[in-house]
Amino acid sequence: MHSESIFTIMRAAKVVTEIRQEQIAKMALDLVAVHGIKGLTTERIAAAVGVVPSALYKHFKGKKQIFKAIVRLIIQQSEHISREIDNGGEDFLQRLYHVYMAEITRAISSPGIPFIVFSDEMLNSDSEIKSLFCKAHENRFAAIIKLYQAAQDAGQIRNDMSAEALTIHQFGMVAQIGFLMLHQRGEEQILKHAEISWKVFSEMLKVS
């Protein structure tokens, strides 16, 4: 067999493994929303995926590796939202609204995220995964600050509050959604709350 064919097979196998690892991570994140971190067992993950527990070890060494995969999945989602910040026109407040709703939609589609982000496992995770998570968060935070600054420079919103303070407030509104999800609020109620929160916030931002 030619070396090129061997490398092609190896690359294909790697892609299949990465896809399978992502599928398992997504399933595990869904389970966290139902059972919490402590209830995330390899048995439950395997049952949800449709394999025997021992089959998980083809893709992960153990639960700790699965937790890392979940965090990496959350980081990927966060980076996708960060890229969305750069899309759009000169209506900066509308772009900020889209970013806000993208965060809300992500929270609804992945309700296990708050359990992961605020868990002891995240607090005590190794430096590499924690550093990656913090970097993704910092990048998104900085990008939103720039968007608020651009909106102020364009005269679209009031400028008597710092762009950083406004960004912190927006992150706080997203955190409210996590609180509602932890208390088993339904999707319709969460979206309604998100829309009302943004309406009140955007009214406050208007130039007097």
C-alpha atoms as a PDB file:
ATOM      1  CA  MET A   1       0.000   0.000   0.000  1.00  0.00           C
ATOM      2  CA  HIS A   2       1.347   3.427  -0.933  1.00  0.00           C
ATOM      3  CA  SER A   3       2.286   5.780   1.896  1.00  0.00           C
ATOM      4  CA  GLU A   4      -0.198   8.345   0.522  1.00  0.00           C
ATOM      5  CA  SER A   5      -3.028   5.800   0.881  1.00  0.00           C
ATOM      6  CA  ILE A   6      -1.942   5.022   4.459  1.00  0.00           C
ATOM      7  CA  PHE A   7      -1.978   8.720   5.371  1.00  0.00           C
ATOM      8  CA  THR A   8      -5.364   9.148   3.695  1.00  0.00           C
ATOM      9  CA  ILE A   9      -6.812   6.318   5.779  1.00  0.00           C
ATOM     10  CA  MET A  10      -5.233   7.735   8.937  1.00  0.00           C
ATOM     11  CA  ARG A  11      -6.649  11.206   8.258  1.00  0.00           C
ATOM     12  CA  ALA A  12     -10.090   9.739   7.562  1.00  0.00           C
ATOM     13  CA  ALA A  13      -9.967   7.743  10.805  1.00  0.00           C
ATOM     14  CA  LYS A  14      -8.948  10.885  12.716  1.00  0.00           C
ATOM     15  CA  VAL A  15     -11.870  12.838  11.253  1.00  0.00           C
ATOM     16  CA  VAL A  16     -14.316  10.065  12.167  1.00  0.00           C
ATOM     17  CA  THR A  17     -12.920   9.983  15.722  1.00  0.00           C
ATOM     18  CA  GLU A  18     -13.200  13.776  16.094  1.00  0.00           C
ATOM     19  CA  ILE A  19     -16.790  13.718  14.841  1.00  0.00           C
ATOM     20  CA  ARG A  20     -17.658  10.910  17.241  1.00  0.00           C
ATOM     21  CA  GLN A  21     -15.986  12.744  20.137  1.00  0.00           C
ATOM     22  CA  GLU A  22     -18.027  15.875  19.382  1.00  0.00           C
ATOM     23  CA  GLN A  23     -21.242  13.836  19.223  1.00  0.00           C
ATOM     24  CA  ILE A  24     -20.478  12.294  22.619  1.00  0.00           C
ATOM     25  CA  ALA A  25     -19.626  15.718  24.083  1.00  0.00           C
ATOM     26  CA  LYS A  26     -22.928  17.169  22.849  1.00  0.00           C
ATOM     27  CA  MET A  27     -24.856  14.260  24.331  1.00  0.00           C
ATOM     28  CA  ALA A  28     -22.976  14.578  27.622  1.00  0.00           C
ATOM     29  CA  LEU A  29     -23.751  18.311  27.768  1.00  0.00           C
ATOM     30  CA  ASP A  30     -27.456  17.536  27.352  1.00  0.00           C
ATOM     31  CA  LEU A  31     -27.248  14.994  30.169  1.00  0.00           C
ATOM     32  CA  VAL A  32     -25.635  17.574  32.475  1.00  0.00           C
ATOM     33  CA  ALA A  33     -28.763  19.731  32.124  1.00  0.00           C
ATOM     34  CA  VAL A  34     -30.860  16.834  33.445  1.00  0.00           C
ATOM     35  CA  HIS A  35     -28.599  15.111  35.980  1.00  0.00           C
ATOM     36  CA  GLY A  36     -25.978  17.753  36.844  1.00  0.00           C
ATOM     37  CA  ILE A  37     -22.215  17.221  36.831  1.00  0.00           C
ATOM     38  CA  LYS A  38     -22.284  14.626  39.606  1.00  0.00           C
ATOM     39  CA  GLY A  39     -24.913  12.636  37.745  1.00  0.00           C
ATOM     40  CA  LEU A  40     -22.898  12.549  34.518  1.00  0.00           C
ATOM     41  CA  THR A  41     -21.752   8.931  34.532  1.00  0.00           C
ATOM     42  CA  THR A  42     -20.169   6.924  31.746  1.00  0.00           C
ATOM     43  CA  GLU A  43     -23.119   4.550  31.985  1.00  0.00           C
ATOM     44  CA  ARG A  44     -25.613   7.348  31.277  1.00  0.00           C
ATOM     45  CA  ILE A  45     -23.486   8.758  28.475  1.00  0.00           C
ATOM     46  CA  ALA A  46     -23.110   5.342  26.866  1.00  0.00           C
ATOM     47  CA  ALA A  47     -26.852   4.653  27.124  1.00  0.00           C
ATOM     48  CA  ALA A  48     -27.654   8.022  25.538  1.00  0.00           C
ATOM     49  CA  VAL A  49     -25.156   7.431  22.721  1.00  0.00           C
ATOM     50  CA  GLY A  50     -26.380   3.859  22.256  1.00  0.00           C
ATOM     51  CA  VAL A  51     -23.222   1.945  23.067  1.00  0.00           C
ATOM     52  CA  VAL A  52     -21.849  -0.076  25.960  1.00  0.00           C
ATOM     53  CA  PRO A  53     -19.757   1.920  28.491  1.00  0.00           C
ATOM     54  CA  SER A  54     -16.520   0.248  27.432  1.00  0.00           C
ATOM     55  CA  ALA A  55     -17.010   1.604  23.885  1.00  0.00           C
ATOM     56  CA  LEU A  56     -16.576   5.165  25.172  1.00  0.00           C
ATOM     57  CA  TYR A  57     -12.948   4.374  25.968  1.00  0.00           C
ATOM     58  CA  LYS A  58     -12.245   4.113  22.242  1.00  0.00           C
ATOM     59  CA  HIS A  59     -12.674   7.887  22.156  1.00  0.00           C
ATOM     60  CA  PHE A  60     -11.958   9.070  25.715  1.00  0.00           C
ATOM     61  CA  LYS A  61      -9.704   7.856  28.518  1.00  0.00           C
ATOM     62  CA  GLY A  62     -12.338   8.647  31.140  1.00  0.00           C
ATOM     63  CA  LYS A  63     -14.893  11.100  32.474  1.00  0.00           C
ATOM     64  CA  LYS A  64     -12.273  13.832  32.906  1.00  0.00           C
ATOM     65  CA  GLN A  65     -11.492  13.700  29.192  1.00  0.00           C
ATOM     66  CA  ILE A  66     -15.210  13.878  28.393  1.00  0.00           C
ATOM     67  CA  PHE A  67     -15.499  16.977  30.605  1.00  0.00           C
ATOM     68  CA  LYS A  68     -12.646  18.591  28.666  1.00  0.00           C
ATOM     69  CA  ALA A  69     -14.422  17.783  25.399  1.00  0.00           C
ATOM     70  CA  ILE A  70     -17.587  19.450  26.713  1.00  0.00           C
ATOM     71  CA  VAL A  71     -15.633  22.601  27.629  1.00  0.00           C
ATOM     72  CA  ARG A  72     -13.997  22.655  24.191  1.00  0.00           C
ATOM     73  CA  LEU A  73     -17.468  22.377  22.635  1.00  0.00           C
ATOM     74  CA  ILE A  74     -18.649  25.373  24.685  1.00  0.00           C
ATOM     75  CA  ILE A  75     -15.542  27.290  23.581  1.00  0.00           C
ATOM     76  CA  GLN A  76     -16.283  26.523  19.923  1.00  0.00           C
ATOM     77  CA  GLN A  77     -19.823  27.828  20.335  1.00  0.00           C
ATOM     78  CA  SER A  78     -18.467  30.952  22.040  1.00  0.00           C
ATOM     79  CA  GLU A  79     -15.984  31.563  19.232  1.00  0.00           C
ATOM     80  CA  HIS A  80     -18.799  31.236  16.690  1.00  0.00           C
ATOM     81  CA  ILE A  81     -20.720  33.999  18.477  1.00  0.00           C
ATOM     82  CA  SER A  82     -17.550  36.122  18.541  1.00  0.00           C
ATOM     83  CA  ARG A  83     -17.301  35.809  14.758  1.00  0.00           C
ATOM     84  CA  GLU A  84     -20.930  36.890  14.447  1.00  0.00           C
ATOM     85  CA  ILE A  85     -20.023  40.160  16.193  1.00  0.00           C
ATOM     86  CA  ASP A  86     -18.082  41.215  13.094  1.00  0.00           C
ATOM     87  CA  ASN A  87     -21.035  40.573  10.775  1.00  0.00           C
ATOM     88  CA  GLY A  88     -23.590  43.254   9.947  1.00  0.00           C
ATOM     89  CA  GLY A  89     -23.803  46.886   8.964  1.00  0.00           C
ATOM     90  CA  GLU A  90     -23.565  50.219  10.715  1.00  0.00           C
ATOM     91  CA  ASP A  91     -26.607  49.756  12.961  1.00  0.00           C
ATOM     92  CA  PHE A  92     -24.470  48.823  15.956  1.00  0.00           C
ATOM     93  CA  LEU A  93     -27.328  48.464  18.424  1.00  0.00           C
ATOM     94  CA  GLN A  94     -29.048  45.982  16.111  1.00  0.00           C
ATOM     95  CA  ARG A  95     -25.813  44.017  15.873  1.00  0.00           C
ATOM     96  CA  LEU A  96     -25.559  43.988  19.668  1.00  0.00           C
ATOM     97  CA  TYR A  97     -29.130  42.696  19.845  1.00  0.00           C
ATOM     98  CA  HIS A  98     -28.270  39.856  17.456  1.00  0.00           C
ATOM     99  CA  VAL A  99     -25.234  38.931  19.555  1.00  0.00           C
ATOM    100  CA  TYR A 100     -27.375  38.980  22.709  1.00  0.00           C
ATOM    101  CA  MET A 101     -30.029  36.758  21.150  1.00  0.00           C
ATOM    102  CA  ALA A 102     -27.345  34.406  19.830  1.00  0.00           C
ATOM    103  CA  GLU A 103     -26.223  33.941  23.441  1.00  0.00           C
ATOM    104  CA  ILE A 104     -29.823  33.316  24.524  1.00  0.00           C
ATOM    105  CA  THR A 105     -30.397  30.815  21.724  1.00  0.00           C
ATOM    106  CA  ARG A 106     -27.201  28.991  22.665  1.00  0.00           C
ATOM    107  CA  ALA A 107     -28.317  28.822  26.299  1.00  0.00           C
ATOM    108  CA  ILE A 108     -31.679  27.365  25.278  1.00  0.00           C
ATOM    109  CA  SER A 109     -30.189  24.808  22.892  1.00  0.00           C
ATOM    110  CA  SER A 110     -27.475  23.810  25.388  1.00  0.00           C
ATOM    111  CA  PRO A 111     -29.050  24.142  28.850  1.00  0.00           C
ATOM    112  CA  GLY A 112     -26.191  22.268  30.475  1.00  0.00           C
ATOM    113  CA  ILE A 113     -23.763  25.160  29.923  1.00  0.00           C
ATOM    114  CA  PRO A 114     -24.456  26.990  33.237  1.00  0.00           C
ATOM    115  CA  PHE A 115     -23.867  23.733  35.138  1.00  0.00           C
ATOM    116  CA  ILE A 116     -20.455  23.384  33.463  1.00  0.00           C
ATOM    117  CA  VAL A 117     -19.324  27.013  33.600  1.00  0.00           C
ATOM    118  CA  PHE A 118     -20.062  27.437  37.318  1.00  0.00           C
ATOM    119  CA  SER A 119     -19.020  23.958  38.418  1.00  0.00           C
ATOM    120  CA  ASP A 120     -16.245  22.954  40.797  1.00  0.00           C
ATOM    121  CA  GLU A 121     -14.895  20.814  37.972  1.00  0.00           C
ATOM    122  CA  MET A 122     -14.357  23.949  35.873  1.00  0.00           C
ATOM    123  CA  LEU A 123     -12.803  25.777  38.820  1.00  0.00           C
ATOM    124  CA  ASN A 124     -10.417  22.888  39.429  1.00  0.00           C
ATOM    125  CA  SER A 125      -9.799  21.931  35.797  1.00  0.00           C
ATOM    126  CA  ASP A 126      -6.253  21.869  34.457  1.00  0.00           C
ATOM    127  CA  SER A 127      -4.613  25.121  33.414  1.00  0.00           C
ATOM    128  CA  GLU A 128      -4.786  24.419  29.676  1.00  0.00           C
ATOM    129  CA  ILE A 129      -8.556  23.982  29.438  1.00  0.00           C
ATOM    130  CA  LYS A 130      -9.233  26.812  31.909  1.00  0.00           C
ATOM    131  CA  SER A 131      -6.909  29.112  29.958  1.00  0.00           C
ATOM    132  CA  LEU A 132      -8.665  28.291  26.676  1.00  0.00           C
ATOM    133  CA  PHE A 133     -12.069  28.974  28.218  1.00  0.00           C
ATOM    134  CA  CYS A 134     -10.975  32.277  29.781  1.00  0.00           C
ATOM    135  CA  LYS A 135      -9.342  33.387  26.521  1.00  0.00           C
ATOM    136  CA  ALA A 136     -12.517  32.718  24.529  1.00  0.00           C
ATOM    137  CA  HIS A 137     -14.547  34.643  27.107  1.00  0.00           C
ATOM    138  CA  GLU A 138     -12.095  37.559  27.104  1.00  0.00           C
ATOM    139  CA  ASN A 139     -12.095  37.751  23.289  1.00  0.00           C
ATOM    140  CA  ARG A 140     -15.891  37.915  23.159  1.00  0.00           C
ATOM    141  CA  PHE A 141     -15.965  40.479  25.968  1.00  0.00           C
ATOM    142  CA  ALA A 142     -13.423  42.693  24.189  1.00  0.00           C
ATOM    143  CA  ALA A 143     -15.280  42.432  20.863  1.00  0.00           C
ATOM    144  CA  ILE A 144     -18.572  43.524  22.442  1.00  0.00           C
ATOM    145  CA  ILE A 145     -16.858  46.453  24.188  1.00  0.00           C
ATOM    146  CA  LYS A 146     -15.614  47.615  20.768  1.00  0.00           C
ATOM    147  CA  LEU A 147     -19.140  47.343  19.382  1.00  0.00           C
ATOM    148  CA  TYR A 148     -20.556  49.496  22.184  1.00  0.00           C
ATOM    149  CA  GLN A 149     -17.742  51.982  21.665  1.00  0.00           C
ATOM    150  CA  ALA A 150     -18.515  52.112  17.946  1.00  0.00           C
ATOM    151  CA  ALA A 151     -22.196  52.720  18.720  1.00  0.00           C
ATOM    152  CA  GLN A 152     -21.241  55.596  21.029  1.00  0.00           C
ATOM    153  CA  ASP A 153     -18.799  57.083  18.524  1.00  0.00           C
ATOM    154  CA  ALA A 154     -21.544  56.995  15.877  1.00  0.00           C
ATOM    155  CA  GLY A 155     -23.947  58.758  18.227  1.00  0.00           C
ATOM    156  CA  GLN A 156     -26.385  55.825  18.184  1.00  0.00           C
ATOM    157  CA  ILE A 157     -26.443  55.345  21.967  1.00  0.00           C
ATOM    158  CA  ARG A 158     -25.721  57.514  25.002  1.00  0.00           C
ATOM    159  CA  ASN A 159     -22.066  58.026  25.869  1.00  0.00           C
ATOM    160  CA  ASP A 160     -22.233  58.881  29.562  1.00  0.00           C
ATOM    161  CA  MET A 161     -21.523  55.265  30.516  1.00  0.00           C
ATOM    162  CA  SER A 162     -18.424  53.313  29.592  1.00  0.00           C
ATOM    163  CA  ALA A 163     -18.580  50.669  26.882  1.00  0.00           C
ATOM    164  CA  GLU A 164     -17.130  48.219  29.384  1.00  0.00           C
ATOM    165  CA  ALA A 165     -19.957  48.873  31.885  1.00  0.00           C
ATOM    166  CA  LEU A 166     -22.555  48.347  29.157  1.00  0.00           C
ATOM    167  CA  THR A 167     -20.899  45.083  28.137  1.00  0.00           C
ATOM    168  CA  ILE A 168     -20.912  43.863  31.732  1.00  0.00           C
ATOM    169  CA  HIS A 169     -24.625  44.674  31.917  1.00  0.00           C
ATOM    170  CA  GLN A 170     -25.303  42.716  28.719  1.00  0.00           C
ATOM    171  CA  PHE A 171     -23.400  39.719  30.076  1.00  0.00           C
ATOM    172  CA  GLY A 172     -25.504  40.043  33.229  1.00  0.00           C
ATOM    173  CA  MET A 173     -28.708  39.827  31.201  1.00  0.00           C
ATOM    174  CA  VAL A 174     -27.432  36.606  29.625  1.00  0.00           C
ATOM    175  CA  ALA A 175     -26.581  35.263  33.086  1.00  0.00           C
ATOM    176  CA  GLN A 176     -30.216  35.892  34.107  1.00  0.00           C
ATOM    177  CA  ILE A 177     -31.234  33.392  31.447  1.00  0.00           C
ATOM    178  CA  GLY A 178     -28.949  30.790  32.990  1.00  0.00           C
ATOM    179  CA  PHE A 179     -30.668  31.415  36.328  1.00  0.00           C
ATOM    180  CA  LEU A 180     -34.107  30.903  34.762  1.00  0.00           C
ATOM    181  CA  MET A 181     -32.949  27.690  33.108  1.00  0.00           C
ATOM    182  CA  LEU A 182     -31.585  26.352  36.378  1.00  0.00           C
ATOM    183  CA  HIS A 183     -35.104  26.888  37.770  1.00  0.00           C
ATOM    184  CA  GLN A 184     -36.718  24.914  34.948  1.00  0.00           C
ATOM    185  CA  ARG A 185     -38.369  27.805  33.088  1.00  0.00           C
ATOM    186  CA  GLY A 186     -39.738  26.949  29.637  1.00  0.00           C
ATOM    187  CA  GLU A 187     -38.299  28.169  26.327  1.00  0.00           C
ATOM    188  CA  GLU A 188     -41.230  30.494  25.603  1.00  0.00           C
ATOM    189  CA  GLN A 189     -40.951  32.153  29.007  1.00  0.00           C
ATOM    190  CA  ILE A 190     -37.175  32.519  28.649  1.00  0.00           C
ATOM    191  CA  LEU A 191     -37.432  34.144  25.212  1.00  0.00           C
ATOM    192  CA  LYS A 192     -40.140  36.505  26.477  1.00  0.00           C
ATOM    193  CA  HIS A 193     -37.954  37.496  29.419  1.00  0.00           C
ATOM    194  CA  ALA A 194     -34.974  38.030  27.091  1.00  0.00           C
ATOM    195  CA  GLU A 195     -36.950  40.279  24.756  1.00  0.00           C
ATOM    196  CA  ILE A 196     -38.342  42.364  27.633  1.00  0.00           C
ATOM    197  CA  SER A 197     -34.882  42.717  29.175  1.00  0.00           C
ATOM    198  CA  TRP A 198     -33.436  43.925  25.887  1.00  0.00           C
ATOM    199  CA  LYS A 199     -36.319  46.354  25.298  1.00  0.00           C
ATOM    200  CA  VAL A 200     -35.803  47.969  28.719  1.00  0.00           C
ATOM    201  CA  PHE A 201     -32.032  48.049  28.224  1.00  0.00           C
ATOM    202  CA  SER A 202     -32.199  49.530  24.715  1.00  0.00           C
ATOM    203  CA  GLU A 203     -34.619  52.210  25.880  1.00  0.00           C
ATOM    204  CA  MET A 204     -32.109  53.180  28.546  1.00  0.00           C
ATOM    205  CA  LEU A 205     -29.403  53.427  25.884  1.00  0.00           C
ATOM    206  CA  LYS A 206     -31.247  56.003  23.768  1.00  0.00           C
ATOM    207  CA  VAL A 207     -29.637  59.368  23.305  1.00  0.00           C
ATOM    208  CA  SER A 208     -31.626  61.962  25.278  1.00  0.00           C
END
